[in-house]
Amino acid sequence: MLILRPAYVAGRVGKVFAKEVLSGDYPSERWLIRVDSEDIVVSLNSKEFEVVNDDFEIS
């Protein structure tokens, strides 16, 4: 997937790591994304990334 925001990781590619879960096992509307070019995981809402296929074409 292509990360759109926040600025410090925008334009990078990542993979969905997991759905974010809040304390008390309450599901969040955010996704944990592992950034491929960094050793970090970011929490993003669905408007902050776009799913791309293996050819990096936006689908």
C-alpha atoms as a PDB file:
ATOM      1  CA  MET A   1       0.000   0.000   0.000  1.00  0.00           C
ATOM      2  CA  LEU A   2       1.050   3.562  -0.632  1.00  0.00           C
ATOM      3  CA  ILE A   3       1.139   5.821   2.412  1.00  0.00           C
ATOM      4  CA  LEU A   4      -0.346   9.264   1.784  1.00  0.00           C
ATOM      5  CA  ARG A   5      -0.034  10.860   5.245  1.00  0.00           C
ATOM      6  CA  PRO A   6       1.555  11.856   7.622  1.00  0.00           C
ATOM      7  CA  ALA A   7       4.310  13.773   5.858  1.00  0.00           C
ATOM      8  CA  TYR A   8       7.236  11.944   7.477  1.00  0.00           C
ATOM      9  CA  VAL A   9       6.226   8.653   5.789  1.00  0.00           C
ATOM     10  CA  ALA A  10       4.188   9.951   2.811  1.00  0.00           C
ATOM     11  CA  GLY A  11       5.132   8.335  -0.489  1.00  0.00           C
ATOM     12  CA  ARG A  12       6.553   5.229   1.129  1.00  0.00           C
ATOM     13  CA  VAL A  13       5.197   1.720   0.703  1.00  0.00           C
ATOM     14  CA  GLY A  14       4.033  -0.405   3.610  1.00  0.00           C
ATOM     15  CA  LYS A  15       2.128  -3.529   4.541  1.00  0.00           C
ATOM     16  CA  VAL A  16      -0.841  -3.942   6.853  1.00  0.00           C
ATOM     17  CA  PHE A  17       0.475  -5.361  10.107  1.00  0.00           C
ATOM     18  CA  ALA A  18      -2.843  -5.564  12.017  1.00  0.00           C
ATOM     19  CA  LYS A  19      -6.051  -3.752  12.883  1.00  0.00           C
ATOM     20  CA  GLU A  20      -5.407  -1.448  15.828  1.00  0.00           C
ATOM     21  CA  VAL A  21      -7.007  -2.630  19.077  1.00  0.00           C
ATOM     22  CA  LEU A  22      -7.528  -0.265  21.987  1.00  0.00           C
ATOM     23  CA  SER A  23      -7.276  -1.162  25.664  1.00  0.00           C
ATOM     24  CA  GLY A  24     -10.053  -3.461  26.752  1.00  0.00           C
ATOM     25  CA  ASP A  25      -9.891  -5.216  23.345  1.00  0.00           C
ATOM     26  CA  TYR A  26     -12.009  -2.523  21.676  1.00  0.00           C
ATOM     27  CA  PRO A  27     -11.384  -2.377  17.918  1.00  0.00           C
ATOM     28  CA  SER A  28     -10.203   0.912  16.470  1.00  0.00           C
ATOM     29  CA  GLU A  29     -10.939   2.369  13.036  1.00  0.00           C
ATOM     30  CA  ARG A  30      -7.177   2.594  12.451  1.00  0.00           C
ATOM     31  CA  TRP A  31      -4.682   0.174  10.910  1.00  0.00           C
ATOM     32  CA  LEU A  32      -1.116  -0.597  11.974  1.00  0.00           C
ATOM     33  CA  ILE A  33       1.110  -0.311   8.914  1.00  0.00           C
ATOM     34  CA  ARG A  34       4.717  -1.520   8.787  1.00  0.00           C
ATOM     35  CA  VAL A  35       6.733   0.887   6.623  1.00  0.00           C
ATOM     36  CA  ASP A  36       8.963  -1.138   4.266  1.00  0.00           C
ATOM     37  CA  SER A  37      11.878   1.319   4.091  1.00  0.00           C
ATOM     38  CA  GLU A  38      11.940   2.073   7.833  1.00  0.00           C
ATOM     39  CA  ASP A  39      11.952  -0.004  10.973  1.00  0.00           C
ATOM     40  CA  ILE A  40       8.689   1.537  12.177  1.00  0.00           C
ATOM     41  CA  VAL A  41       4.990   0.809  12.453  1.00  0.00           C
ATOM     42  CA  VAL A  42       2.515   3.674  12.074  1.00  0.00           C
ATOM     43  CA  SER A  43      -1.170   3.893  12.992  1.00  0.00           C
ATOM     44  CA  LEU A  44      -3.196   5.199  10.043  1.00  0.00           C
ATOM     45  CA  ASN A  45      -6.853   5.694   9.262  1.00  0.00           C
ATOM     46  CA  SER A  46      -8.175   4.522   5.900  1.00  0.00           C
ATOM     47  CA  LYS A  47      -7.836   8.002   4.336  1.00  0.00           C
ATOM     48  CA  GLU A  48      -4.094   8.087   5.010  1.00  0.00           C
ATOM     49  CA  PHE A  49      -3.155   5.225   2.667  1.00  0.00           C
ATOM     50  CA  GLU A  50      -4.198   3.640  -0.634  1.00  0.00           C
ATOM     51  CA  VAL A  51      -4.104  -0.014  -1.551  1.00  0.00           C
ATOM     52  CA  VAL A  52      -1.889  -0.756  -4.542  1.00  0.00           C
ATOM     53  CA  ASN A  53      -1.269  -3.951  -6.467  1.00  0.00           C
ATOM     54  CA  ASP A  54       2.112  -5.623  -6.968  1.00  0.00           C
ATOM     55  CA  ASP A  55       2.836  -3.375  -9.978  1.00  0.00           C
ATOM     56  CA  PHE A  56       2.319  -0.291  -7.774  1.00  0.00           C
ATOM     57  CA  GLU A  57      -0.696   0.827  -9.788  1.00  0.00           C
ATOM     58  CA  ILE A  58      -3.362   2.409  -7.629  1.00  0.00           C
ATOM     59  CA  SER A  59      -6.373   0.094  -7.618  1.00  0.00           C
END
